[in-house]
Amino acid sequence: MNSISVLHIDLFQSGKNTSDFYFNTMKDHLVSSHKHIEKPHRHDFYVTVLFTKGTGIHEVDFHRYDVSEGSMFFLSPGQVHSWELSEDTDGYIFFLSQEFYDMHYINQHLRNFPFFSSVNFSRKLQLEKKYLNPMVGLFDEIQNEYYSHNLMKEGLILSVITKMYITSSRLFSKEYNTFNSPVSISYLKHYQDFETLLEEHFTKEKSISFYASLLDISPKHLNRITQTMVQKTATEVITERVVLEAKRMLMYLSESLVEIAFRLGYEEYSYFVRVFRKTSGITPTQFIQKYKS
């Protein structure tokens, strides 16, 4: 059985001491790491990218995003992505693990930042010109520390990353008009908890009542939260997460459709096909033909 390539940070380290953090310019990263990233792949770490030059397409879990100056991307562990970029592409990229972040921020999970919290939120933030230069300044500060031997350099790197992520969260909120009230902030926390549970149980548990019970709220309130946060019912969020995993498996695994359906908790293949078609608009077979043709 083939599997989706899962890349680890140590593949990119080139002798660096910090195994849970990696930093590079996009230009150098695309050259030095070409053999690792030339095909669609997933990571077991968090990724942040800022493009300062070039154009192209960045595909994340079958969503295609345009790349241009000021395009900033945030990827969570497990997401499948690939890109087609112009030869003049440049910018910055860094990877970090939750363990690295925990060195100084034990009570702050990276998934608490909105751009890392949900497959239903956009992974792209397009920076206006007035915000681009300050953001570049933060990346430059991280770069300087990364290549230094300064005392407590990891602490400074993490503090700058946190500033970057808080700034990005505020810009994200402004761009997408979300999280602008105490109610929506409260709902975001519940929604993040819901998606954390969903990641753990989606192959076996698909009922709203199961997740509502673990969250100690009613199914009705869980629906209210998901409708507010992503304009979808809780059932739609659950189903779309299952179908996303099905798409990943259909694209990158050699298992049969029946085997994939069973691994995702569907004993009846015909029912899995109906769910997939209702969510995607096409059957699993048509999906394979579309993306592998």
Protein backbone atom coordinates (compact mmCIF):
# COMPACT_ATOMS: atom_id res chain seq x y z
CA MET A 1 0.00 0.00 0.00
CA ASN A 2 1.31 3.44 -0.93
CA SER A 3 0.84 6.28 1.51
CA ILE A 4 0.81 10.06 1.45
CA SER A 5 4.35 11.25 2.13
CA VAL A 6 4.63 12.64 5.68
CA LEU A 7 7.63 14.95 6.05
CA HIS A 8 9.44 15.56 9.33
CA ILE A 9 11.35 18.67 10.34
CA ASP A 10 14.68 16.84 10.60
CA LEU A 11 14.62 16.32 6.81
CA PHE A 12 15.26 20.06 6.43
CA GLN A 13 17.72 20.72 9.23
CA SER A 14 21.12 20.43 7.51
CA GLY A 15 22.94 19.99 10.80
CA LYS A 16 21.01 22.58 12.80
CA ASN A 17 20.79 21.87 16.54
CA THR A 18 17.13 22.82 16.91
CA SER A 19 15.27 19.81 15.54
CA ASP A 20 11.79 21.22 16.22
CA PHE A 21 12.24 24.48 14.30
CA TYR A 22 13.33 25.28 10.75
CA PHE A 23 13.66 28.61 8.95
CA ASN A 24 14.67 29.54 5.40
CA THR A 25 14.01 31.95 2.58
CA MET A 26 11.54 30.56 0.04
CA LYS A 27 14.15 30.86 -2.71
CA ASP A 28 16.68 28.71 -0.86
CA HIS A 29 14.04 26.35 0.51
CA LEU A 30 12.71 25.53 -2.95
CA VAL A 31 16.25 24.71 -4.10
CA SER A 32 17.57 22.80 -1.10
CA SER A 33 14.37 20.85 -0.39
CA HIS A 34 13.12 20.22 -3.93
CA LYS A 35 13.46 16.44 -3.65
CA HIS A 36 11.19 16.43 -0.58
CA ILE A 37 8.45 18.83 -1.74
CA GLU A 38 8.13 18.27 -5.48
CA LYS A 39 5.04 16.07 -4.99
CA PRO A 40 1.90 16.60 -2.85
CA HIS A 41 2.81 15.85 0.75
CA ARG A 42 1.82 16.40 4.35
CA HIS A 43 3.78 17.37 7.46
CA ASP A 44 3.76 16.44 11.13
CA PHE A 45 4.46 20.08 12.07
CA TYR A 46 3.03 23.59 11.58
CA VAL A 47 4.06 25.66 8.56
CA THR A 48 4.04 29.43 8.01
CA VAL A 49 4.92 30.94 4.62
CA LEU A 50 5.14 34.55 3.41
CA PHE A 51 5.62 35.29 -0.28
CA THR A 52 7.39 38.56 -1.07
CA LYS A 53 7.98 37.90 -4.75
CA GLY A 54 6.64 35.67 -7.50
CA THR A 55 3.30 34.21 -8.52
CA GLY A 56 1.67 30.81 -8.71
CA ILE A 57 -0.83 28.44 -7.17
CA HIS A 58 -0.75 26.88 -3.71
CA GLU A 59 -3.16 23.96 -3.31
CA VAL A 60 -4.10 22.95 0.24
CA ASP A 61 -6.47 20.02 0.70
CA PHE A 62 -7.95 20.52 -2.80
CA HIS A 63 -8.46 24.27 -2.31
CA ARG A 64 -6.48 26.32 -4.83
CA TYR A 65 -5.09 29.68 -3.67
CA ASP A 66 -3.42 32.31 -5.84
CA VAL A 67 0.10 33.28 -4.79
CA SER A 68 1.37 36.83 -5.10
CA GLU A 69 3.37 39.39 -3.14
CA GLY A 70 1.97 39.51 0.40
CA SER A 71 0.36 36.06 0.34
CA MET A 72 0.74 34.42 3.73
CA PHE A 73 -0.16 30.78 4.40
CA PHE A 74 -0.66 28.71 7.55
CA LEU A 75 -0.73 24.91 7.46
CA SER A 76 -1.52 22.49 10.27
CA PRO A 77 -0.10 18.98 10.69
CA GLY A 78 -1.75 16.47 8.39
CA GLN A 79 -2.82 18.83 5.64
CA VAL A 80 -1.87 17.81 2.11
CA HIS A 81 -0.45 20.57 -0.07
CA SER A 82 1.51 21.28 -3.22
CA TRP A 83 2.47 24.35 -5.18
CA GLU A 84 3.28 25.58 -8.68
CA LEU A 85 5.43 28.70 -8.39
CA SER A 86 7.22 31.04 -10.78
CA GLU A 87 11.01 30.88 -10.95
CA ASP A 88 11.42 34.30 -9.31
CA THR A 89 9.54 33.22 -6.16
CA ASP A 90 10.96 34.41 -2.85
CA GLY A 91 9.85 35.07 0.70
CA TYR A 92 10.16 33.21 3.98
CA ILE A 93 9.12 29.86 5.40
CA PHE A 94 9.39 28.30 8.83
CA PHE A 95 8.28 25.06 10.50
CA LEU A 96 7.69 24.43 14.18
CA SER A 97 6.26 21.68 16.31
CA GLN A 98 3.86 22.06 19.21
CA GLU A 99 6.66 20.77 21.44
CA PHE A 100 8.92 23.64 20.38
CA TYR A 101 6.16 26.15 21.09
CA ASP A 102 5.56 24.54 24.49
CA MET A 103 9.07 25.53 25.54
CA HIS A 104 7.68 28.93 26.53
CA TYR A 105 3.90 28.81 26.00
CA ILE A 106 2.72 25.69 27.79
CA ASN A 107 -0.94 26.71 28.03
CA GLN A 108 -1.26 28.00 24.47
CA HIS A 109 -1.92 25.41 21.78
CA LEU A 110 -1.11 26.49 18.25
CA ARG A 111 -4.60 25.37 17.18
CA ASN A 112 -5.97 28.23 19.27
CA PHE A 113 -4.90 30.57 16.49
CA PRO A 114 -7.84 30.73 14.03
CA PHE A 115 -5.80 30.00 10.91
CA PHE A 116 -4.56 26.73 12.44
CA SER A 117 -7.79 25.73 14.12
CA SER A 118 -10.03 24.47 11.35
CA VAL A 119 -10.05 22.91 7.90
CA ASN A 120 -13.11 25.10 7.30
CA PHE A 121 -11.18 28.37 7.60
CA SER A 122 -9.06 29.84 4.82
CA ARG A 123 -5.35 29.05 5.02
CA LYS A 124 -4.40 32.25 3.23
CA LEU A 125 -4.05 35.80 4.50
CA GLN A 126 -3.42 38.41 1.82
CA LEU A 127 -1.46 41.26 3.38
CA GLU A 128 -2.07 44.81 2.26
CA LYS A 129 1.06 46.85 1.49
CA LYS A 130 0.91 48.72 4.79
CA TYR A 131 1.00 45.42 6.72
CA LEU A 132 3.56 43.64 4.53
CA ASN A 133 6.68 45.54 5.57
CA PRO A 134 6.09 45.15 9.34
CA MET A 135 5.47 41.42 8.78
CA VAL A 136 8.69 41.13 6.77
CA GLY A 137 10.43 42.80 9.70
CA LEU A 138 9.22 40.03 12.02
CA PHE A 139 10.47 37.34 9.64
CA ASP A 140 13.82 39.12 9.40
CA GLU A 141 14.08 39.20 13.19
CA ILE A 142 13.41 35.46 13.37
CA GLN A 143 15.97 34.83 10.62
CA ASN A 144 18.67 36.81 12.42
CA GLU A 145 18.12 34.87 15.64
CA TYR A 146 17.91 31.52 13.88
CA TYR A 147 21.43 31.88 12.48
CA SER A 148 22.87 33.41 15.65
CA HIS A 149 24.41 31.93 18.78
CA ASN A 150 22.68 34.42 21.05
CA LEU A 151 21.70 33.63 24.61
CA MET A 152 18.07 32.39 24.86
CA LYS A 153 17.58 32.70 21.11
CA GLU A 154 14.73 30.15 21.10
CA GLY A 155 12.84 32.29 23.60
CA LEU A 156 13.15 35.37 21.40
CA ILE A 157 12.19 33.41 18.28
CA LEU A 158 9.06 32.14 20.02
CA SER A 159 8.10 35.59 21.28
CA VAL A 160 8.40 37.04 17.77
CA ILE A 161 6.38 34.13 16.33
CA THR A 162 3.67 34.75 18.92
CA LYS A 163 3.57 38.44 18.01
CA MET A 164 3.33 37.45 14.34
CA TYR A 165 0.48 35.02 15.03
CA ILE A 166 -1.48 37.48 17.17
CA THR A 167 -1.06 40.18 14.51
CA SER A 168 -2.13 37.69 11.84
CA SER A 169 -5.16 36.65 13.88
CA ARG A 170 -6.28 40.28 14.11
CA LEU A 171 -5.78 40.81 10.37
CA PHE A 172 -7.53 37.51 9.68
CA SER A 173 -10.46 38.67 11.82
CA LYS A 174 -10.59 41.97 9.97
CA GLU A 175 -10.39 40.36 6.52
CA TYR A 176 -13.03 37.72 7.17
CA ASN A 177 -15.15 39.75 9.62
CA THR A 178 -15.05 37.12 12.35
CA PHE A 179 -14.32 36.95 16.09
CA ASN A 180 -15.36 40.59 16.58
CA SER A 181 -17.59 40.13 19.60
CA PRO A 182 -17.45 38.35 22.98
CA VAL A 183 -20.03 35.85 21.69
CA SER A 184 -18.04 34.95 18.59
CA ILE A 185 -14.82 34.62 20.63
CA SER A 186 -16.61 32.24 22.98
CA TYR A 187 -18.03 30.33 20.05
CA LEU A 188 -14.56 30.07 18.50
CA LYS A 189 -13.25 28.32 21.62
CA HIS A 190 -16.14 25.84 21.53
CA TYR A 191 -15.66 25.35 17.80
CA GLN A 192 -11.95 24.67 18.24
CA ASP A 193 -12.72 22.11 20.96
CA PHE A 194 -15.27 20.50 18.64
CA GLU A 195 -12.75 20.20 15.82
CA THR A 196 -10.11 18.79 18.18
CA LEU A 197 -12.54 16.06 19.17
CA LEU A 198 -13.54 15.57 15.55
CA GLU A 199 -9.93 14.94 14.54
CA GLU A 200 -9.73 12.22 17.16
CA HIS A 201 -13.05 10.47 16.48
CA PHE A 202 -14.32 11.25 12.95
CA THR A 203 -13.62 7.80 11.49
CA LYS A 204 -15.84 6.15 14.11
CA GLU A 205 -18.25 8.79 15.43
CA LYS A 206 -20.41 10.90 13.12
CA SER A 207 -23.37 11.95 15.27
CA ILE A 208 -23.87 15.47 16.61
CA SER A 209 -25.00 14.09 19.97
CA PHE A 210 -21.67 12.31 20.52
CA TYR A 211 -19.63 15.52 20.18
CA ALA A 212 -22.17 17.70 21.98
CA SER A 213 -22.05 15.31 24.93
CA LEU A 214 -18.25 15.51 25.14
CA LEU A 215 -18.46 19.30 24.97
CA ASP A 216 -21.17 19.31 27.65
CA ILE A 217 -23.54 21.32 25.46
CA SER A 218 -26.75 20.47 23.62
CA PRO A 219 -26.75 19.37 19.97
CA LYS A 220 -28.86 22.45 19.22
CA HIS A 221 -26.21 24.74 20.72
CA LEU A 222 -23.43 22.95 18.84
CA ASN A 223 -25.34 23.59 15.62
CA ARG A 224 -25.70 27.25 16.59
CA ILE A 225 -21.93 27.47 17.11
CA THR A 226 -21.01 25.88 13.79
CA GLN A 227 -23.60 27.97 11.93
CA THR A 228 -22.10 31.12 13.45
CA MET A 229 -18.47 30.18 12.86
CA VAL A 230 -18.51 28.52 9.44
CA GLN A 231 -22.11 28.85 8.24
CA LYS A 232 -22.58 25.07 8.31
CA THR A 233 -24.45 22.62 10.50
CA ALA A 234 -22.46 20.39 12.79
CA THR A 235 -23.43 17.42 10.64
CA GLU A 236 -22.04 19.18 7.56
CA VAL A 237 -18.77 19.89 9.38
CA ILE A 238 -18.47 16.24 10.44
CA THR A 239 -19.32 14.92 6.99
CA GLU A 240 -16.99 17.33 5.20
CA ARG A 241 -14.11 16.27 7.46
CA VAL A 242 -14.75 12.62 6.59
CA VAL A 243 -15.01 13.39 2.86
CA LEU A 244 -11.80 15.44 2.98
CA GLU A 245 -9.97 12.42 4.37
CA ALA A 246 -11.61 10.26 1.72
CA LYS A 247 -10.29 12.59 -0.99
CA ARG A 248 -6.79 12.44 0.48
CA MET A 249 -6.93 8.64 0.53
CA LEU A 250 -8.40 8.39 -2.97
CA MET A 251 -5.63 10.58 -4.35
CA TYR A 252 -2.61 9.21 -2.56
CA LEU A 253 -3.35 5.64 -1.45
CA SER A 254 -3.61 2.48 -3.52
CA GLU A 255 -6.47 1.01 -1.50
CA SER A 256 -9.77 0.09 -3.12
CA LEU A 257 -12.83 2.29 -2.72
CA VAL A 258 -14.43 -0.36 -0.52
CA GLU A 259 -11.37 -0.48 1.77
CA ILE A 260 -11.33 3.32 2.05
CA ALA A 261 -15.03 3.41 2.88
CA PHE A 262 -14.52 0.80 5.61
CA ARG A 263 -11.52 2.65 7.11
CA LEU A 264 -13.67 5.77 7.35
CA GLY A 265 -16.41 3.95 9.25
CA TYR A 266 -18.82 3.05 6.45
CA GLU A 267 -19.68 -0.63 6.32
CA GLU A 268 -21.97 -0.07 3.33
CA TYR A 269 -20.01 1.16 0.33
CA SER A 270 -23.16 2.40 -1.42
CA TYR A 271 -23.94 4.68 1.53
CA PHE A 272 -20.39 6.06 1.51
CA VAL A 273 -20.79 6.88 -2.20
CA ARG A 274 -24.05 8.72 -1.52
CA VAL A 275 -22.46 10.77 1.27
CA PHE A 276 -19.42 11.57 -0.88
CA ARG A 277 -21.57 12.59 -3.85
CA LYS A 278 -23.90 14.75 -1.76
CA THR A 279 -20.94 16.61 -0.26
CA SER A 280 -18.70 16.83 -3.34
CA GLY A 281 -21.19 16.83 -6.19
CA ILE A 282 -19.40 13.89 -7.81
CA THR A 283 -18.83 10.22 -7.01
CA PRO A 284 -15.49 8.90 -5.68
CA THR A 285 -14.78 7.38 -9.10
CA GLN A 286 -15.47 10.69 -10.85
CA PHE A 287 -13.23 12.45 -8.32
CA ILE A 288 -10.34 10.09 -9.12
CA GLN A 289 -10.86 10.63 -12.85
CA LYS A 290 -10.90 14.40 -12.39
CA TYR A 291 -7.74 14.68 -10.27
CA LYS A 292 -5.68 11.84 -11.69
CA SER A 293 -6.39 12.46 -15.36
